[in-house]
Amino acid sequence: MRDLYGEFAWARKLKVRHLESLLVLDEAGTLTEAAARLHLTQSAMSHWLAEMESLVGTPLMMRGRRLELTPAGQLIKQLAIRVLGDVSRVGKALDAVAQGKASRLHVGSVWAGVAGVLPASISQFHIMHPSVAITVTEGTFSSLLERLARKELDVVIGTIDARAYDSGFHHEILFEDGICVVVGQGSPLWQDPSEHKLSALIHENWIVPQHGTSMRSQLDSALVDAGVPWLQPKVETSAITTLLALLHCGNYIGICSEEMTRYQVARGTVHRLSIDRVLKFGAVGILWSTDVFSETVDDFVKIAKEVGGKTNGSLSVHPVA
């Protein structure tokens, strides 16, 4: 087994001030200028550099008219950038936590939320919280709920069905969504204005979400109602980018949330086929945990509610068992 303690011996006495001094020295180019920037004497600045080189065990700067980093100095510089960057981010996060806020928000979303509600909510949220970085994860509702339970996500925008009510999270309904049958420019049905029977489209090259998703379940139910008990899709995917790419280049037909369809039709990427029945997707809402109060999450929920059409001005929370 390697002697890890021996490997780390050089770093045990290394201080944040050492790393800061190295970056300032590299930028300033002289001991005099670096000392002035750090409000130190030149001898104190020289001491910090000598001490750091002693700890590392090799010169970090080539002395001359202008100081230049040695290869070892370049390595320590990269370490300094990473460490000081982490220190800065953690400092901001600690300040935010002290105020009941967060410096980063993790949002999970299904297709229905990606098209309109999510980007509009993020845009408005950043007006209120410009310093908060947002990470967006797309996936199936089941996988997003699991990640919310593991606290990997702060909020989830998805289908409000039995899984939401049984999840133990709070939720707010944002809007009612439908399901549309769509084609791309690769299909002979592109811009076809006529109405089609759903049952007559059964032999097309279908792209559908996987089994277990709300959208697939609703499609399967509609097919049964239309007298078609079985559909053999060509592609199963929950990735909107894959759906759009295939519709554009091949003769495929797919399904998409009405919210996403409106967004894509407006941009000329898909054509919505008229069919002989209404396909309901159901309620789309936002779910979040209130185990620990977060003003950041609370503000995002309120904004998503307003964007989704709930403009009564107050956030009515639905606790679920």
Protein backbone atom coordinates (compact mmCIF):
# COMPACT_ATOMS: atom_id res chain seq x y z
CA MET A 1 0.00 0.00 0.00
CA ARG A 2 1.31 3.42 -0.89
CA ASP A 3 2.30 5.81 1.87
CA LEU A 4 -0.41 8.39 1.25
CA TYR A 5 0.68 10.41 4.24
CA GLY A 6 4.16 10.69 2.73
CA GLU A 7 2.72 11.72 -0.63
CA PHE A 8 0.68 14.50 0.96
CA ALA A 9 3.42 15.72 3.32
CA TRP A 10 4.33 18.67 1.10
CA ALA A 11 0.73 19.92 1.11
CA ARG A 12 -0.01 19.72 4.84
CA LYS A 13 1.48 23.12 5.61
CA LEU A 14 0.39 24.73 2.36
CA LYS A 15 -1.97 27.61 3.05
CA VAL A 16 -4.57 29.39 0.96
CA ARG A 17 -2.38 32.49 1.29
CA HIS A 18 0.47 30.62 -0.41
CA LEU A 19 -1.74 29.82 -3.40
CA GLU A 20 -3.10 33.36 -3.56
CA SER A 21 0.44 34.78 -3.44
CA LEU A 22 1.56 32.56 -6.32
CA LEU A 23 -1.28 33.71 -8.56
CA VAL A 24 -0.61 37.36 -7.76
CA LEU A 25 3.13 36.90 -8.37
CA ASP A 26 2.47 35.26 -11.73
CA GLU A 27 0.18 38.11 -12.78
CA ALA A 28 2.29 40.94 -11.36
CA GLY A 29 5.65 39.67 -12.63
CA THR A 30 7.72 41.26 -9.84
CA LEU A 31 7.97 40.92 -6.09
CA THR A 32 7.50 44.68 -5.70
CA GLU A 33 4.25 44.82 -7.66
CA ALA A 34 2.88 41.63 -6.07
CA ALA A 35 3.67 42.96 -2.58
CA ALA A 36 1.85 46.20 -3.36
CA ARG A 37 -1.25 44.34 -4.56
CA LEU A 38 -1.35 42.21 -1.40
CA HIS A 39 -0.46 45.16 0.88
CA LEU A 40 2.76 43.49 2.03
CA THR A 41 6.40 44.52 2.16
CA GLN A 42 8.70 43.14 -0.52
CA SER A 43 10.56 41.10 2.10
CA ALA A 44 7.28 39.58 3.33
CA MET A 45 6.35 38.71 -0.23
CA SER A 46 9.74 37.10 -0.78
CA HIS A 47 9.24 35.12 2.45
CA TRP A 48 5.90 33.71 1.26
CA LEU A 49 7.48 32.57 -2.00
CA ALA A 50 10.53 31.03 -0.31
CA GLU A 51 8.33 29.24 2.21
CA MET A 52 6.10 27.83 -0.53
CA GLU A 53 9.11 26.61 -2.53
CA SER A 54 10.49 24.97 0.62
CA LEU A 55 7.19 23.14 1.17
CA VAL A 56 6.99 21.96 -2.44
CA GLY A 57 10.67 21.09 -2.54
CA THR A 58 11.51 22.76 -5.84
CA PRO A 59 11.70 26.29 -7.30
CA LEU A 60 8.38 27.68 -8.47
CA MET A 61 9.64 30.92 -10.02
CA MET A 62 12.55 31.70 -12.33
CA ARG A 63 14.12 34.92 -11.09
CA GLY A 64 15.02 37.53 -13.64
CA ARG A 65 13.88 40.90 -14.80
CA ARG A 66 10.44 39.42 -14.65
CA LEU A 67 9.37 36.44 -12.59
CA GLU A 68 8.26 33.42 -14.61
CA LEU A 69 6.73 30.17 -13.44
CA THR A 70 8.81 27.01 -13.62
CA PRO A 71 7.12 23.77 -14.75
CA ALA A 72 6.53 23.00 -11.07
CA GLY A 73 5.12 26.50 -10.65
CA GLN A 74 2.67 25.86 -13.50
CA LEU A 75 1.41 22.75 -11.67
CA ILE A 76 0.91 24.66 -8.42
CA LYS A 77 -0.78 27.47 -10.36
CA GLN A 78 -3.40 25.01 -11.66
CA LEU A 79 -3.88 23.74 -8.12
CA ALA A 80 -4.29 27.32 -6.89
CA ILE A 81 -6.91 28.12 -9.54
CA ARG A 82 -8.96 25.04 -8.62
CA VAL A 83 -8.67 25.45 -4.84
CA LEU A 84 -9.32 29.19 -4.75
CA GLY A 85 -12.23 28.75 -7.16
CA ASP A 86 -13.75 26.12 -4.88
CA VAL A 87 -13.18 28.33 -1.84
CA SER A 88 -14.93 31.21 -3.57
CA ARG A 89 -17.91 29.08 -4.61
CA VAL A 90 -18.28 27.54 -1.17
CA GLY A 91 -18.06 30.99 0.41
CA LYS A 92 -20.91 32.24 -1.75
CA ALA A 93 -22.90 29.09 -0.98
CA LEU A 94 -22.38 29.56 2.76
CA ASP A 95 -23.56 33.17 2.54
CA ALA A 96 -26.63 32.02 0.62
CA VAL A 97 -27.40 29.24 3.13
CA ALA A 98 -27.14 31.74 5.99
CA GLN A 99 -29.88 33.75 4.24
CA GLY A 100 -32.07 30.70 3.57
CA LYS A 101 -31.08 30.73 -0.10
CA ALA A 102 -29.01 28.53 -2.39
CA SER A 103 -26.29 29.41 -4.88
CA ARG A 104 -27.34 26.59 -7.21
CA LEU A 105 -30.73 25.17 -8.14
CA HIS A 106 -31.16 21.66 -9.54
CA VAL A 107 -34.29 21.26 -11.68
CA GLY A 108 -35.61 18.08 -13.26
CA SER A 109 -38.08 18.23 -16.14
CA VAL A 110 -39.98 16.04 -18.57
CA TRP A 111 -40.68 17.08 -22.18
CA ALA A 112 -43.79 19.01 -21.24
CA GLY A 113 -41.88 21.36 -18.97
CA VAL A 114 -38.91 21.85 -21.25
CA ALA A 115 -40.78 23.67 -24.03
CA GLY A 116 -42.36 26.69 -22.41
CA VAL A 117 -42.73 26.69 -18.65
CA LEU A 118 -39.14 25.81 -17.79
CA PRO A 119 -37.23 28.32 -19.96
CA ALA A 120 -39.67 31.11 -19.12
CA SER A 121 -39.43 30.30 -15.41
CA ILE A 122 -35.63 30.22 -15.49
CA SER A 123 -35.49 33.53 -17.34
CA GLN A 124 -37.78 35.27 -14.83
CA PHE A 125 -36.06 33.58 -11.89
CA HIS A 126 -32.68 34.97 -12.93
CA ILE A 127 -34.08 38.49 -12.82
CA MET A 128 -34.75 37.91 -9.12
CA HIS A 129 -31.69 35.75 -8.41
CA PRO A 130 -28.99 36.60 -10.97
CA SER A 131 -26.23 34.84 -9.01
CA VAL A 132 -27.95 31.45 -8.78
CA ALA A 133 -26.71 28.85 -11.27
CA ILE A 134 -29.31 26.35 -12.50
CA THR A 135 -28.66 22.76 -13.51
CA VAL A 136 -31.43 21.19 -15.64
CA THR A 137 -31.87 17.42 -15.91
CA GLU A 138 -34.31 15.93 -18.43
CA GLY A 139 -35.69 12.45 -17.95
CA THR A 140 -38.71 10.30 -17.28
CA PHE A 141 -40.94 11.32 -14.41
CA SER A 142 -40.12 8.16 -12.45
CA SER A 143 -36.37 8.72 -12.66
CA LEU A 144 -36.76 12.38 -11.72
CA LEU A 145 -38.85 11.49 -8.66
CA GLU A 146 -36.14 9.07 -7.53
CA ARG A 147 -33.50 11.79 -7.84
CA LEU A 148 -35.73 14.24 -5.96
CA ALA A 149 -36.03 11.68 -3.16
CA ARG A 150 -32.23 11.35 -3.06
CA LYS A 151 -32.00 15.16 -2.85
CA GLU A 152 -30.09 15.29 -6.13
CA LEU A 153 -32.81 17.61 -7.46
CA ASP A 154 -34.51 20.55 -5.75
CA VAL A 155 -37.67 20.65 -7.88
CA VAL A 156 -39.23 18.53 -10.61
CA ILE A 157 -41.59 19.67 -13.36
CA GLY A 158 -43.58 16.68 -14.56
CA THR A 159 -46.81 14.77 -14.67
CA ILE A 160 -49.11 15.07 -11.68
CA ASP A 161 -50.51 11.55 -11.36
CA ALA A 162 -50.74 8.87 -8.70
CA ARG A 163 -46.94 8.76 -8.42
CA ALA A 164 -46.89 12.43 -7.46
CA TYR A 165 -49.62 12.05 -4.86
CA ASP A 166 -47.85 9.08 -3.30
CA SER A 167 -44.37 10.57 -3.44
CA GLY A 168 -44.42 12.45 -0.13
CA PHE A 169 -43.57 15.76 -1.81
CA HIS A 170 -45.57 18.94 -2.14
CA HIS A 171 -46.89 19.77 -5.57
CA GLU A 172 -48.57 22.53 -7.54
CA ILE A 173 -50.45 21.99 -10.82
CA LEU A 174 -49.17 24.32 -13.54
CA PHE A 175 -51.29 23.47 -16.60
CA GLU A 176 -53.24 20.72 -18.37
CA ASP A 177 -51.38 19.27 -21.33
CA GLY A 178 -52.31 17.08 -24.28
CA ILE A 179 -50.52 14.73 -26.65
CA CYS A 180 -50.02 15.46 -30.34
CA VAL A 181 -49.09 13.22 -33.26
CA VAL A 182 -46.26 14.87 -35.18
CA VAL A 183 -44.13 14.35 -38.29
CA GLY A 184 -41.07 16.08 -39.69
CA GLN A 185 -39.86 17.07 -43.11
CA GLY A 186 -38.74 13.49 -43.76
CA SER A 187 -42.34 12.30 -43.83
CA PRO A 188 -44.71 12.37 -46.84
CA LEU A 189 -47.32 13.60 -44.36
CA TRP A 190 -45.35 16.82 -43.83
CA GLN A 191 -47.86 19.71 -43.86
CA ASP A 192 -50.74 17.33 -44.65
CA PRO A 193 -53.89 19.25 -43.62
CA SER A 194 -56.31 16.31 -43.70
CA GLU A 195 -57.65 14.51 -40.65
CA HIS A 196 -56.36 10.99 -40.06
CA LYS A 197 -57.80 8.09 -38.12
CA LEU A 198 -55.38 7.05 -35.43
CA SER A 199 -56.02 3.41 -36.31
CA ALA A 200 -55.01 4.11 -39.94
CA LEU A 201 -51.58 5.30 -38.84
CA ILE A 202 -50.70 2.07 -37.03
CA HIS A 203 -48.31 0.87 -39.75
CA GLU A 204 -46.25 4.08 -39.84
CA ASN A 205 -42.72 4.18 -38.44
CA TRP A 206 -43.51 5.26 -34.89
CA ILE A 207 -41.19 6.95 -32.41
CA VAL A 208 -42.65 6.73 -28.90
CA PRO A 209 -41.49 7.01 -25.27
CA GLN A 210 -40.63 3.85 -23.37
CA HIS A 211 -43.19 1.77 -21.48
CA GLY A 212 -43.87 3.13 -18.01
CA THR A 213 -44.00 6.78 -19.07
CA SER A 214 -47.25 8.70 -18.78
CA MET A 215 -47.24 9.67 -22.46
CA ARG A 216 -46.78 6.05 -23.62
CA SER A 217 -49.56 4.86 -21.31
CA GLN A 218 -51.95 7.48 -22.66
CA LEU A 219 -51.10 6.55 -26.26
CA ASP A 220 -51.61 2.84 -25.57
CA SER A 221 -55.03 3.58 -24.03
CA ALA A 222 -56.02 5.70 -27.02
CA LEU A 223 -54.98 2.92 -29.42
CA VAL A 224 -57.09 0.40 -27.52
CA ASP A 225 -60.08 2.80 -27.74
CA ALA A 226 -59.42 3.10 -31.47
CA GLY A 227 -59.55 -0.68 -31.86
CA VAL A 228 -55.80 -1.11 -32.21
CA PRO A 229 -54.49 -3.33 -29.40
CA TRP A 230 -50.85 -3.37 -30.46
CA LEU A 231 -48.26 -0.91 -31.73
CA GLN A 232 -44.76 -1.96 -32.76
CA PRO A 233 -42.62 1.20 -32.62
CA LYS A 234 -39.47 1.61 -34.68
CA VAL A 235 -37.79 3.68 -31.96
CA GLU A 236 -38.43 4.09 -28.24
CA THR A 237 -36.92 7.20 -26.68
CA SER A 238 -37.72 9.89 -24.14
CA ALA A 239 -35.13 12.25 -25.62
CA ILE A 240 -36.71 15.17 -27.48
CA THR A 241 -33.49 15.81 -29.40
CA THR A 242 -33.51 12.25 -30.77
CA LEU A 243 -37.18 12.54 -31.73
CA LEU A 244 -36.66 15.80 -33.60
CA ALA A 245 -33.53 14.58 -35.40
CA LEU A 246 -35.26 11.41 -36.63
CA LEU A 247 -38.40 13.28 -37.72
CA HIS A 248 -36.25 15.68 -39.70
CA CYS A 249 -34.20 13.12 -41.62
CA GLY A 250 -36.48 10.08 -41.96
CA ASN A 251 -40.00 8.90 -42.64
CA TYR A 252 -41.15 8.68 -39.05
CA ILE A 253 -44.19 9.64 -37.00
CA GLY A 254 -44.06 10.43 -33.31
CA ILE A 255 -45.88 11.82 -30.32
CA CYS A 256 -45.06 14.91 -28.36
CA SER A 257 -46.63 16.94 -25.58
CA GLU A 258 -48.92 19.69 -26.83
CA GLU A 259 -46.75 22.27 -25.07
CA MET A 260 -43.63 21.07 -26.87
CA THR A 261 -45.52 20.69 -30.15
CA ARG A 262 -46.64 24.33 -30.14
CA TYR A 263 -43.05 25.37 -29.50
CA GLN A 264 -41.66 23.25 -32.34
CA VAL A 265 -44.44 24.07 -34.84
CA ALA A 266 -43.75 27.78 -34.34
CA ARG A 267 -40.14 27.11 -35.33
CA GLY A 268 -41.04 24.99 -38.35
CA THR A 269 -39.40 21.82 -37.04
CA VAL A 270 -42.52 19.61 -36.85
CA HIS A 271 -46.01 19.41 -38.33
CA ARG A 272 -48.94 18.43 -36.13
CA LEU A 273 -51.18 15.84 -37.72
CA SER A 274 -54.91 16.23 -37.28
CA ILE A 275 -56.34 12.98 -35.88
CA ASP A 276 -59.84 11.75 -35.08
CA ARG A 277 -59.52 11.86 -31.30
CA VAL A 278 -58.15 13.94 -28.44
CA LEU A 279 -55.14 12.51 -26.64
CA LYS A 280 -54.87 13.79 -23.10
CA PHE A 281 -51.55 13.93 -21.31
CA GLY A 282 -52.91 15.24 -18.03
CA ALA A 283 -51.85 17.77 -15.47
CA VAL A 284 -48.28 19.01 -15.47
CA GLY A 285 -47.02 20.40 -12.21
CA ILE A 286 -44.04 21.14 -10.04
CA LEU A 287 -42.95 19.00 -7.10
CA TRP A 288 -40.53 19.88 -4.32
CA SER A 289 -39.55 18.92 -0.79
CA THR A 290 -40.07 21.21 2.17
CA ASP A 291 -37.90 19.25 4.61
CA VAL A 292 -35.56 22.25 4.68
CA PHE A 293 -36.86 25.73 3.84
CA SER A 294 -35.17 27.34 0.87
CA GLU A 295 -36.13 30.80 -0.31
CA THR A 296 -34.51 29.98 -3.64
CA VAL A 297 -36.74 26.94 -4.24
CA ASP A 298 -39.79 28.80 -2.93
CA ASP A 299 -39.22 31.66 -5.37
CA PHE A 300 -38.73 29.29 -8.29
CA VAL A 301 -41.98 27.47 -7.47
CA LYS A 302 -43.90 30.76 -7.32
CA ILE A 303 -42.48 31.87 -10.66
CA ALA A 304 -43.25 28.51 -12.31
CA LYS A 305 -46.80 28.77 -11.02
CA GLU A 306 -47.23 32.21 -12.55
CA VAL A 307 -45.71 31.12 -15.86
CA GLY A 308 -47.95 28.05 -15.90
CA GLY A 309 -51.03 30.23 -15.75
CA LYS A 310 -51.71 30.38 -12.00
CA THR A 311 -51.69 34.12 -11.37
CA ASN A 312 -53.71 34.43 -8.19
CA GLY A 313 -50.67 35.89 -6.45
CA SER A 314 -50.33 33.39 -3.63
CA LEU A 315 -48.68 30.02 -3.55
CA SER A 316 -51.18 27.44 -2.35
CA VAL A 317 -49.26 24.36 -1.29
CA HIS A 318 -50.78 20.90 -1.65
CA PRO A 319 -49.27 18.60 0.94
CA VAL A 320 -49.40 14.97 -0.13
CA ALA A 321 -49.32 11.91 2.04
